[in-house]
Amino acid sequence: MGEFTRAAIEDFLFHEADLLDSWRLKEWAELFTEDGQYLVPSTSKPDGAPDASLYLIYDDRHRLGERARRLLNKAAHAEFPHSRTRHTISNPRILQRDGEVLKVCCNFVVYRCKREVTDVFPGRSDYELVAAQNGFRIRLKKSVLDLEVLRPHGKLSIIL
């Protein structure tokens, strides 16, 4: 089972960031449990509840796997050729432990370079991590952007 140390959690979060930056999105999707969710609330209501507010991304395990598959397809014009991204993770904290589930948060900045433009996406991710045979799996990842609006393109085509 996974070790509940900050170092083990940091290693896991760094591994997730590396998968995203390397566009190994199918492997990233496999980090999630069968009931896993990937959520990104709107910039206008970052604290809104998923059942009462519009979310930019509200994926269950099946949909996040489909998102990964779609983004890797050459027909995904928004991401072909793929953006160059760099996910940086800081200030990871263990908020709560409930049996084999850890509530963890961290700050992030994602740099996205595409067509000679660099976009910066700062924010915070809240996780529910479940102990697994080889470390952790993600039951929930909620990434809250610190942006007031999505500029200049008004959409989010990468995974935070």
Foldseek 3Di string as FASTA:
>chain_A
DADPDPVLVVVVVVVLQVCQQVLVQLVNLVLADQQAWEWEAALQCLPDDPVPGDTLGTDGSVVSNVLSVLLVDCVVVVAVVHWRKGKDWDDKDFDDDDPQKTWIKIKIWMWTDDPNDIDIWTWMWIFIWGQDPVHTGTRYIYTYTPDNADPDPRHDSGGD
